[in-house]
Amino acid sequence: MPSDLAHKIYSIVKTIPKGHTMTYKEVAVAVGHPNACRAVGNILNKNFDVTIPCHRVIRSDGKTGGYNRGQKKKEEILKKERNSLS
């Protein structure tokens, strides 16, 4: 069963619009735990609920970061979403 922190993270991530991203740090700040960037990543890595677009959370340096379905898949999804807005 997901923790209270996980529920808060999932709630924030669900609000990220298609074609947009947030950093792990931004999500951590949004849930009130500004130093919990690593926890955000670990929680999202365990997510397999397709209604939670965890692929939209990236590293602060602009790199995609990890993804439980593979980094290449994350990059493909993000590119497709950005292109659909054009």
PDB file of N, CA and C in Angstrom:
ATOM      1  N   MET A   1       0.854  -1.184   0.000  1.00  0.00           N
ATOM      2  CA  MET A   1       0.000   0.000   0.000  1.00  0.00           C
ATOM      3  C   MET A   1       0.903   1.252   0.000  1.00  0.00           C
ATOM      4  N   PRO A   2       0.645   2.173  -0.925  1.00  0.00           N
ATOM      5  CA  PRO A   2       1.472   3.385  -1.009  1.00  0.00           C
ATOM      6  C   PRO A   2       1.385   4.234   0.258  1.00  0.00           C
ATOM      7  N   SER A   3       2.497   4.838   0.610  1.00  0.00           N
ATOM      8  CA  SER A   3       2.556   5.719   1.780  1.00  0.00           C
ATOM      9  C   SER A   3       1.840   7.038   1.500  1.00  0.00           C
ATOM     10  N   ASP A   4       1.679   7.818   2.554  1.00  0.00           N
ATOM     11  CA  ASP A   4       1.075   9.153   2.424  1.00  0.00           C
ATOM     12  C   ASP A   4       1.906  10.016   1.473  1.00  0.00           C
ATOM     13  N   LEU A   5       3.239   9.913   1.592  1.00  0.00           N
ATOM     14  CA  LEU A   5       4.117  10.675   0.700  1.00  0.00           C
ATOM     15  C   LEU A   5       3.916  10.236  -0.747  1.00  0.00           C
ATOM     16  N   ALA A   6       3.803   8.947  -0.972  1.00  0.00           N
ATOM     17  CA  ALA A   6       3.583   8.444  -2.334  1.00  0.00           C
ATOM     18  C   ALA A   6       2.273   8.986  -2.905  1.00  0.00           C
ATOM     19  N   HIS A   7       1.217   8.983  -2.101  1.00  0.00           N
ATOM     20  CA  HIS A   7      -0.074   9.524  -2.569  1.00  0.00           C
ATOM     21  C   HIS A   7       0.057  10.993  -2.945  1.00  0.00           C
ATOM     22  N   LYS A   8       0.792  11.763  -2.140  1.00  0.00           N
ATOM     23  CA  LYS A   8       0.989  13.186  -2.446  1.00  0.00           C
ATOM     24  C   LYS A   8       1.775  13.349  -3.746  1.00  0.00           C
ATOM     25  N   ILE A   9       2.814  12.548  -3.906  1.00  0.00           N
ATOM     26  CA  ILE A   9       3.625  12.618  -5.133  1.00  0.00           C
ATOM     27  C   ILE A   9       2.772  12.262  -6.343  1.00  0.00           C
ATOM     28  N   TYR A  10       2.018  11.180  -6.259  1.00  0.00           N
ATOM     29  CA  TYR A  10       1.165  10.774  -7.380  1.00  0.00           C
ATOM     30  C   TYR A  10       0.149  11.863  -7.718  1.00  0.00           C
ATOM     31  N   SER A  11      -0.408  12.511  -6.698  1.00  0.00           N
ATOM     32  CA  SER A  11      -1.386  13.585  -6.936  1.00  0.00           C
ATOM     33  C   SER A  11      -0.769  14.739  -7.711  1.00  0.00           C
ATOM     34  N   ILE A  12       0.464  15.117  -7.355  1.00  0.00           N
ATOM     35  CA  ILE A  12       1.146  16.209  -8.063  1.00  0.00           C
ATOM     36  C   ILE A  12       1.477  15.790  -9.484  1.00  0.00           C
ATOM     37  N   VAL A  13       2.019  14.603  -9.644  1.00  0.00           N
ATOM     38  CA  VAL A  13       2.442  14.141 -10.972  1.00  0.00           C
ATOM     39  C   VAL A  13       1.243  14.023 -11.921  1.00  0.00           C
ATOM     40  N   LYS A  14       0.085  13.654 -11.398  1.00  0.00           N
ATOM     41  CA  LYS A  14      -1.121  13.563 -12.232  1.00  0.00           C
ATOM     42  C   LYS A  14      -1.520  14.915 -12.825  1.00  0.00           C
ATOM     43  N   THR A  15      -1.061  16.017 -12.222  1.00  0.00           N
ATOM     44  CA  THR A  15      -1.431  17.344 -12.713  1.00  0.00           C
ATOM     45  C   THR A  15      -0.501  17.871 -13.806  1.00  0.00           C
ATOM     46  N   ILE A  16       0.587  17.164 -14.098  1.00  0.00           N
ATOM     47  CA  ILE A  16       1.526  17.641 -15.119  1.00  0.00           C
ATOM     48  C   ILE A  16       0.877  17.454 -16.491  1.00  0.00           C
ATOM     49  N   PRO A  17       0.667  18.528 -17.221  1.00  0.00           N
ATOM     50  CA  PRO A  17      -0.002  18.419 -18.518  1.00  0.00           C
ATOM     51  C   PRO A  17       0.854  17.688 -19.561  1.00  0.00           C
ATOM     52  N   LYS A  18       0.189  17.087 -20.493  1.00  0.00           N
ATOM     53  CA  LYS A  18       0.850  16.414 -21.605  1.00  0.00           C
ATOM     54  C   LYS A  18       1.763  17.418 -22.328  1.00  0.00           C
ATOM     55  N   GLY A  19       2.989  16.981 -22.601  1.00  0.00           N
ATOM     56  CA  GLY A  19       3.940  17.854 -23.282  1.00  0.00           C
ATOM     57  C   GLY A  19       4.774  18.708 -22.342  1.00  0.00           C
ATOM     58  N   HIS A  20       4.521  18.602 -21.053  1.00  0.00           N
ATOM     59  CA  HIS A  20       5.245  19.376 -20.051  1.00  0.00           C
ATOM     60  C   HIS A  20       5.936  18.433 -19.080  1.00  0.00           C
ATOM     61  N   THR A  21       6.879  18.977 -18.315  1.00  0.00           N
ATOM     62  CA  THR A  21       7.593  18.177 -17.330  1.00  0.00           C
ATOM     63  C   THR A  21       7.775  18.971 -16.046  1.00  0.00           C
ATOM     64  N   MET A  22       8.096  18.245 -14.991  1.00  0.00           N
ATOM     65  CA  MET A  22       8.533  18.817 -13.721  1.00  0.00           C
ATOM     66  C   MET A  22       9.799  18.066 -13.345  1.00  0.00           C
ATOM     67  N   THR A  23      10.637  18.687 -12.547  1.00  0.00           N
ATOM     68  CA  THR A  23      11.824  17.989 -12.072  1.00  0.00           C
ATOM     69  C   THR A  23      11.477  17.233 -10.788  1.00  0.00           C
ATOM     70  N   TYR A  24      12.331  16.277 -10.455  1.00  0.00           N
ATOM     71  CA  TYR A  24      12.158  15.557  -9.197  1.00  0.00           C
ATOM     72  C   TYR A  24      12.151  16.554  -8.041  1.00  0.00           C
ATOM     73  N   LYS A  25      13.000  17.568  -8.117  1.00  0.00           N
ATOM     74  CA  LYS A  25      13.088  18.604  -7.089  1.00  0.00           C
ATOM     75  C   LYS A  25      11.769  19.384  -7.007  1.00  0.00           C
ATOM     76  N   GLU A  26      11.220  19.775  -8.137  1.00  0.00           N
ATOM     77  CA  GLU A  26       9.956  20.525  -8.146  1.00  0.00           C
ATOM     78  C   GLU A  26       8.828  19.707  -7.518  1.00  0.00           C
ATOM     79  N   VAL A  27       8.799  18.420  -7.799  1.00  0.00           N
ATOM     80  CA  VAL A  27       7.775  17.561  -7.197  1.00  0.00           C
ATOM     81  C   VAL A  27       7.994  17.485  -5.690  1.00  0.00           C
ATOM     82  N   ALA A  28       9.244  17.315  -5.267  1.00  0.00           N
ATOM     83  CA  ALA A  28       9.561  17.249  -3.838  1.00  0.00           C
ATOM     84  C   ALA A  28       9.119  18.526  -3.116  1.00  0.00           C
ATOM     85  N   VAL A  29       9.400  19.673  -3.714  1.00  0.00           N
ATOM     86  CA  VAL A  29       8.992  20.957  -3.124  1.00  0.00           C
ATOM     87  C   VAL A  29       7.464  21.036  -3.073  1.00  0.00           C
ATOM     88  N   ALA A  30       6.802  20.615  -4.142  1.00  0.00           N
ATOM     89  CA  ALA A  30       5.339  20.699  -4.213  1.00  0.00           C
ATOM     90  C   ALA A  30       4.649  19.851  -3.147  1.00  0.00           C
ATOM     91  N   VAL A  31       5.280  18.761  -2.729  1.00  0.00           N
ATOM     92  CA  VAL A  31       4.672  17.924  -1.691  1.00  0.00           C
ATOM     93  C   VAL A  31       5.141  18.315  -0.287  1.00  0.00           C
ATOM     94  N   GLY A  32       5.951  19.387  -0.209  1.00  0.00           N
ATOM     95  CA  GLY A  32       6.373  19.891   1.089  1.00  0.00           C
ATOM     96  C   GLY A  32       7.610  19.241   1.670  1.00  0.00           C
ATOM     97  N   HIS A  33       8.364  18.528   0.832  1.00  0.00           N
ATOM     98  CA  HIS A  33       9.592  17.867   1.273  1.00  0.00           C
ATOM     99  C   HIS A  33      10.717  18.219   0.303  1.00  0.00           C
ATOM    100  N   PRO A  34      11.230  19.449   0.357  1.00  0.00           N
ATOM    101  CA  PRO A  34      12.187  19.926  -0.643  1.00  0.00           C
ATOM    102  C   PRO A  34      13.479  19.124  -0.767  1.00  0.00           C
ATOM    103  N   ASN A  35      13.815  18.341   0.234  1.00  0.00           N
ATOM    104  CA  ASN A  35      15.035  17.538   0.163  1.00  0.00           C
ATOM    105  C   ASN A  35      14.765  16.083  -0.224  1.00  0.00           C
ATOM    106  N   ALA A  36      13.567  15.789  -0.658  1.00  0.00           N
ATOM    107  CA  ALA A  36      13.169  14.408  -0.936  1.00  0.00           C
ATOM    108  C   ALA A  36      13.219  14.040  -2.414  1.00  0.00           C
ATOM    109  N   CYS A  37      14.128  14.646  -3.166  1.00  0.00           N
ATOM    110  CA  CYS A  37      14.218  14.361  -4.608  1.00  0.00           C
ATOM    111  C   CYS A  37      14.422  12.875  -4.881  1.00  0.00           C
ATOM    112  N   ARG A  38      15.331  12.268  -4.135  1.00  0.00           N
ATOM    113  CA  ARG A  38      15.623  10.845  -4.327  1.00  0.00           C
ATOM    114  C   ARG A  38      14.402   9.994  -3.980  1.00  0.00           C
ATOM    115  N   ALA A  39      13.693  10.365  -2.934  1.00  0.00           N
ATOM    116  CA  ALA A  39      12.478   9.635  -2.554  1.00  0.00           C
ATOM    117  C   ALA A  39      11.433   9.722  -3.656  1.00  0.00           C
ATOM    118  N   VAL A  40      11.310  10.889  -4.284  1.00  0.00           N
ATOM    119  CA  VAL A  40      10.373  11.048  -5.409  1.00  0.00           C
ATOM    120  C   VAL A  40      10.733  10.052  -6.509  1.00  0.00           C
ATOM    121  N   GLY A  41      12.012   9.995  -6.863  1.00  0.00           N
ATOM    122  CA  GLY A  41      12.449   9.060  -7.900  1.00  0.00           C
ATOM    123  C   GLY A  41      12.195   7.619  -7.534  1.00  0.00           C
ATOM    124  N   ASN A  42      12.488   7.257  -6.292  1.00  0.00           N
ATOM    125  CA  ASN A  42      12.277   5.873  -5.856  1.00  0.00           C
ATOM    126  C   ASN A  42      10.803   5.491  -5.859  1.00  0.00           C
ATOM    127  N   ILE A  43       9.961   6.405  -5.433  1.00  0.00           N
ATOM    128  CA  ILE A  43       8.517   6.135  -5.426  1.00  0.00           C
ATOM    129  C   ILE A  43       7.987   6.009  -6.851  1.00  0.00           C
ATOM    130  N   LEU A  44       8.392   6.922  -7.731  1.00  0.00           N
ATOM    131  CA  LEU A  44       7.912   6.859  -9.112  1.00  0.00           C
ATOM    132  C   LEU A  44       8.442   5.625  -9.838  1.00  0.00           C
ATOM    133  N   ASN A  45       9.618   5.152  -9.460  1.00  0.00           N
ATOM    134  CA  ASN A  45      10.185   3.969 -10.091  1.00  0.00           C
ATOM    135  C   ASN A  45       9.338   2.720  -9.818  1.00  0.00           C
ATOM    136  N   LYS A  46       8.579   2.742  -8.744  1.00  0.00           N
ATOM    137  CA  LYS A  46       7.739   1.602  -8.381  1.00  0.00           C
ATOM    138  C   LYS A  46       6.312   1.734  -8.929  1.00  0.00           C
ATOM    139  N   ASN A  47       6.042   2.818  -9.634  1.00  0.00           N
ATOM    140  CA  ASN A  47       4.702   3.073 -10.154  1.00  0.00           C
ATOM    141  C   ASN A  47       4.470   2.340 -11.477  1.00  0.00           C
ATOM    142  N   PHE A  48       3.389   1.572 -11.544  1.00  0.00           N
ATOM    143  CA  PHE A  48       2.997   0.943 -12.802  1.00  0.00           C
ATOM    144  C   PHE A  48       1.569   1.323 -13.173  1.00  0.00           C
ATOM    145  N   ASP A  49       1.029   2.330 -12.513  1.00  0.00           N
ATOM    146  CA  ASP A  49      -0.314   2.832 -12.806  1.00  0.00           C
ATOM    147  C   ASP A  49      -0.213   3.801 -13.980  1.00  0.00           C
ATOM    148  N   VAL A  50      -0.815   3.441 -15.102  1.00  0.00           N
ATOM    149  CA  VAL A  50      -0.688   4.261 -16.319  1.00  0.00           C
ATOM    150  C   VAL A  50      -1.392   5.610 -16.204  1.00  0.00           C
ATOM    151  N   THR A  51      -2.233   5.790 -15.176  1.00  0.00           N
ATOM    152  CA  THR A  51      -2.895   7.088 -15.002  1.00  0.00           C
ATOM    153  C   THR A  51      -1.981   8.104 -14.316  1.00  0.00           C
ATOM    154  N   ILE A  52      -0.817   7.654 -13.862  1.00  0.00           N
ATOM    155  CA  ILE A  52       0.160   8.543 -13.220  1.00  0.00           C
ATOM    156  C   ILE A  52       1.323   8.704 -14.203  1.00  0.00           C
ATOM    157  N   PRO A  53       1.423   9.848 -14.874  1.00  0.00           N
ATOM    158  CA  PRO A  53       2.428  10.033 -15.928  1.00  0.00           C
ATOM    159  C   PRO A  53       3.830  10.313 -15.379  1.00  0.00           C
ATOM    160  N   CYS A  54       4.402   9.311 -14.724  1.00  0.00           N
ATOM    161  CA  CYS A  54       5.703   9.523 -14.079  1.00  0.00           C
ATOM    162  C   CYS A  54       6.816   9.794 -15.090  1.00  0.00           C
ATOM    163  N   HIS A  55       6.576   9.499 -16.357  1.00  0.00           N
ATOM    164  CA  HIS A  55       7.573   9.812 -17.391  1.00  0.00           C
ATOM    165  C   HIS A  55       7.762  11.323 -17.552  1.00  0.00           C
ATOM    166  N   ARG A  56       6.854  12.116 -17.022  1.00  0.00           N
ATOM    167  CA  ARG A  56       6.942  13.576 -17.138  1.00  0.00           C
ATOM    168  C   ARG A  56       7.798  14.211 -16.044  1.00  0.00           C
ATOM    169  N   VAL A  57       8.418  13.403 -15.221  1.00  0.00           N
ATOM    170  CA  VAL A  57       9.300  13.913 -14.167  1.00  0.00           C
ATOM    171  C   VAL A  57      10.741  13.646 -14.597  1.00  0.00           C
ATOM    172  N   ILE A  58      11.528  14.719 -14.656  1.00  0.00           N
ATOM    173  CA  ILE A  58      12.892  14.635 -15.166  1.00  0.00           C
ATOM    174  C   ILE A  58      13.896  15.194 -14.159  1.00  0.00           C
ATOM    175  N   ARG A  59      15.153  15.030 -14.475  1.00  0.00           N
ATOM    176  CA  ARG A  59      16.218  15.551 -13.612  1.00  0.00           C
ATOM    177  C   ARG A  59      16.344  17.065 -13.746  1.00  0.00           C
ATOM    178  N   SER A  60      16.916  17.690 -12.744  1.00  0.00           N
ATOM    179  CA  SER A  60      17.100  19.149 -12.752  1.00  0.00           C
ATOM    180  C   SER A  60      18.052  19.618 -13.837  1.00  0.00           C
ATOM    181  N   ASP A  61      18.953  18.742 -14.289  1.00  0.00           N
ATOM    182  CA  ASP A  61      19.893  19.116 -15.347  1.00  0.00           C
ATOM    183  C   ASP A  61      19.301  18.952 -16.748  1.00  0.00           C
ATOM    184  N   GLY A  62      18.021  18.603 -16.823  1.00  0.00           N
ATOM    185  CA  GLY A  62      17.344  18.471 -18.109  1.00  0.00           C
ATOM    186  C   GLY A  62      17.399  17.075 -18.701  1.00  0.00           C
ATOM    187  N   LYS A  63      18.206  16.193 -18.126  1.00  0.00           N
ATOM    188  CA  LYS A  63      18.258  14.810 -18.603  1.00  0.00           C
ATOM    189  C   LYS A  63      16.999  14.096 -18.140  1.00  0.00           C
ATOM    190  N   THR A  64      16.634  13.043 -18.856  1.00  0.00           N
ATOM    191  CA  THR A  64      15.363  12.382 -18.560  1.00  0.00           C
ATOM    192  C   THR A  64      15.337  11.655 -17.234  1.00  0.00           C
ATOM    193  N   GLY A  65      16.440  11.100 -16.811  1.00  0.00           N
ATOM    194  CA  GLY A  65      16.442  10.320 -15.577  1.00  0.00           C
ATOM    195  C   GLY A  65      15.892   8.932 -15.825  1.00  0.00           C
ATOM    196  N   GLY A  66      15.669   8.197 -14.760  1.00  0.00           N
ATOM    197  CA  GLY A  66      15.233   6.809 -14.877  1.00  0.00           C
ATOM    198  C   GLY A  66      13.757   6.669 -15.189  1.00  0.00           C
ATOM    199  N   TYR A  67      13.401   5.431 -15.533  1.00  0.00           N
ATOM    200  CA  TYR A  67      12.012   5.099 -15.856  1.00  0.00           C
ATOM    201  C   TYR A  67      11.892   3.596 -15.752  1.00  0.00           C
ATOM    202  N   ASN A  68      10.865   3.114 -15.091  1.00  0.00           N
ATOM    203  CA  ASN A  68      10.764   1.676 -14.861  1.00  0.00           C
ATOM    204  C   ASN A  68      10.448   0.869 -16.118  1.00  0.00           C
ATOM    205  N   ARG A  69      10.168   1.527 -17.204  1.00  0.00           N
ATOM    206  CA  ARG A  69       9.949   0.838 -18.484  1.00  0.00           C
ATOM    207  C   ARG A  69      11.128   1.075 -19.436  1.00  0.00           C
ATOM    208  N   GLY A  70      12.190   1.679 -18.907  1.00  0.00           N
ATOM    209  CA  GLY A  70      13.406   1.934 -19.680  1.00  0.00           C
ATOM    210  C   GLY A  70      13.529   3.389 -20.089  1.00  0.00           C
ATOM    211  N   GLN A  71      14.758   3.888 -20.034  1.00  0.00           N
ATOM    212  CA  GLN A  71      15.009   5.294 -20.353  1.00  0.00           C
ATOM    213  C   GLN A  71      14.654   5.613 -21.806  1.00  0.00           C
ATOM    214  N   LYS A  72      14.937   4.693 -22.719  1.00  0.00           N
ATOM    215  CA  LYS A  72      14.619   4.927 -24.131  1.00  0.00           C
ATOM    216  C   LYS A  72      13.109   5.120 -24.315  1.00  0.00           C
ATOM    217  N   LYS A  73      12.318   4.301 -23.630  1.00  0.00           N
ATOM    218  CA  LYS A  73      10.861   4.409 -23.721  1.00  0.00           C
ATOM    219  C   LYS A  73      10.391   5.768 -23.185  1.00  0.00           C
ATOM    220  N   LYS A  74      11.007   6.224 -22.076  1.00  0.00           N
ATOM    221  CA  LYS A  74      10.660   7.519 -21.498  1.00  0.00           C
ATOM    222  C   LYS A  74      10.930   8.634 -22.501  1.00  0.00           C
ATOM    223  N   GLU A  75      12.087   8.588 -23.135  1.00  0.00           N
ATOM    224  CA  GLU A  75      12.445   9.609 -24.120  1.00  0.00           C
ATOM    225  C   GLU A  75      11.479   9.596 -25.299  1.00  0.00           C
ATOM    226  N   GLU A  76      11.079   8.408 -25.748  1.00  0.00           N
ATOM    227  CA  GLU A  76      10.131   8.294 -26.866  1.00  0.00           C
ATOM    228  C   GLU A  76       8.775   8.908 -26.509  1.00  0.00           C
ATOM    229  N   ILE A  77       8.282   8.597 -25.320  1.00  0.00           N
ATOM    230  CA  ILE A  77       6.979   9.116 -24.889  1.00  0.00           C
ATOM    231  C   ILE A  77       7.020  10.635 -24.783  1.00  0.00           C
ATOM    232  N   LEU A  78       8.069  11.172 -24.164  1.00  0.00           N
ATOM    233  CA  LEU A  78       8.184  12.631 -24.009  1.00  0.00           C
ATOM    234  C   LEU A  78       8.249  13.315 -25.367  1.00  0.00           C
ATOM    235  N   LYS A  79       9.019  12.751 -26.286  1.00  0.00           N
ATOM    236  CA  LYS A  79       9.130  13.333 -27.631  1.00  0.00           C
ATOM    237  C   LYS A  79       7.776  13.317 -28.340  1.00  0.00           C
ATOM    238  N   LYS A  80       7.072  12.204 -28.245  1.00  0.00           N
ATOM    239  CA  LYS A  80       5.752  12.080 -28.872  1.00  0.00           C
ATOM    240  C   LYS A  80       4.778  13.100 -28.291  1.00  0.00           C
ATOM    241  N   GLU A  81       4.794  13.272 -26.966  1.00  0.00           N
ATOM    242  CA  GLU A  81       3.892  14.230 -26.332  1.00  0.00           C
ATOM    243  C   GLU A  81       4.205  15.659 -26.746  1.00  0.00           C
ATOM    244  N   ARG A  82       5.487  15.998 -26.806  1.00  0.00           N
ATOM    245  CA  ARG A  82       5.878  17.365 -27.237  1.00  0.00           C
ATOM    246  C   ARG A  82       5.458  17.617 -28.682  1.00  0.00           C
ATOM    247  N   ASN A  83       5.647  16.625 -29.527  1.00  0.00           N
ATOM    248  CA  ASN A  83       5.293  16.772 -30.939  1.00  0.00           C
ATOM    249  C   ASN A  83       3.788  16.875 -31.142  1.00  0.00           C
ATOM    250  N   SER A  84       3.016  16.256 -30.270  1.00  0.00           N
ATOM    251  CA  SER A  84       1.566  16.312 -30.421  1.00  0.00           C
ATOM    252  C   SER A  84       1.014  17.705 -30.109  1.00  0.00           C
ATOM    253  N   LEU A  85       1.812  18.519 -29.435  1.00  0.00           N
ATOM    254  CA  LEU A  85       1.388  19.887 -29.128  1.00  0.00           C
ATOM    255  C   LEU A  85       1.703  20.857 -30.249  1.00  0.00           C
ATOM    256  N   SER A  86       2.588  20.452 -31.137  1.00  0.00           N
ATOM    257  CA  SER A  86       3.037  21.353 -32.225  1.00  0.00           C
ATOM    258  C   SER A  86       1.969  21.534 -33.273  1.00  0.00           C
TER     259      SER A  86
END
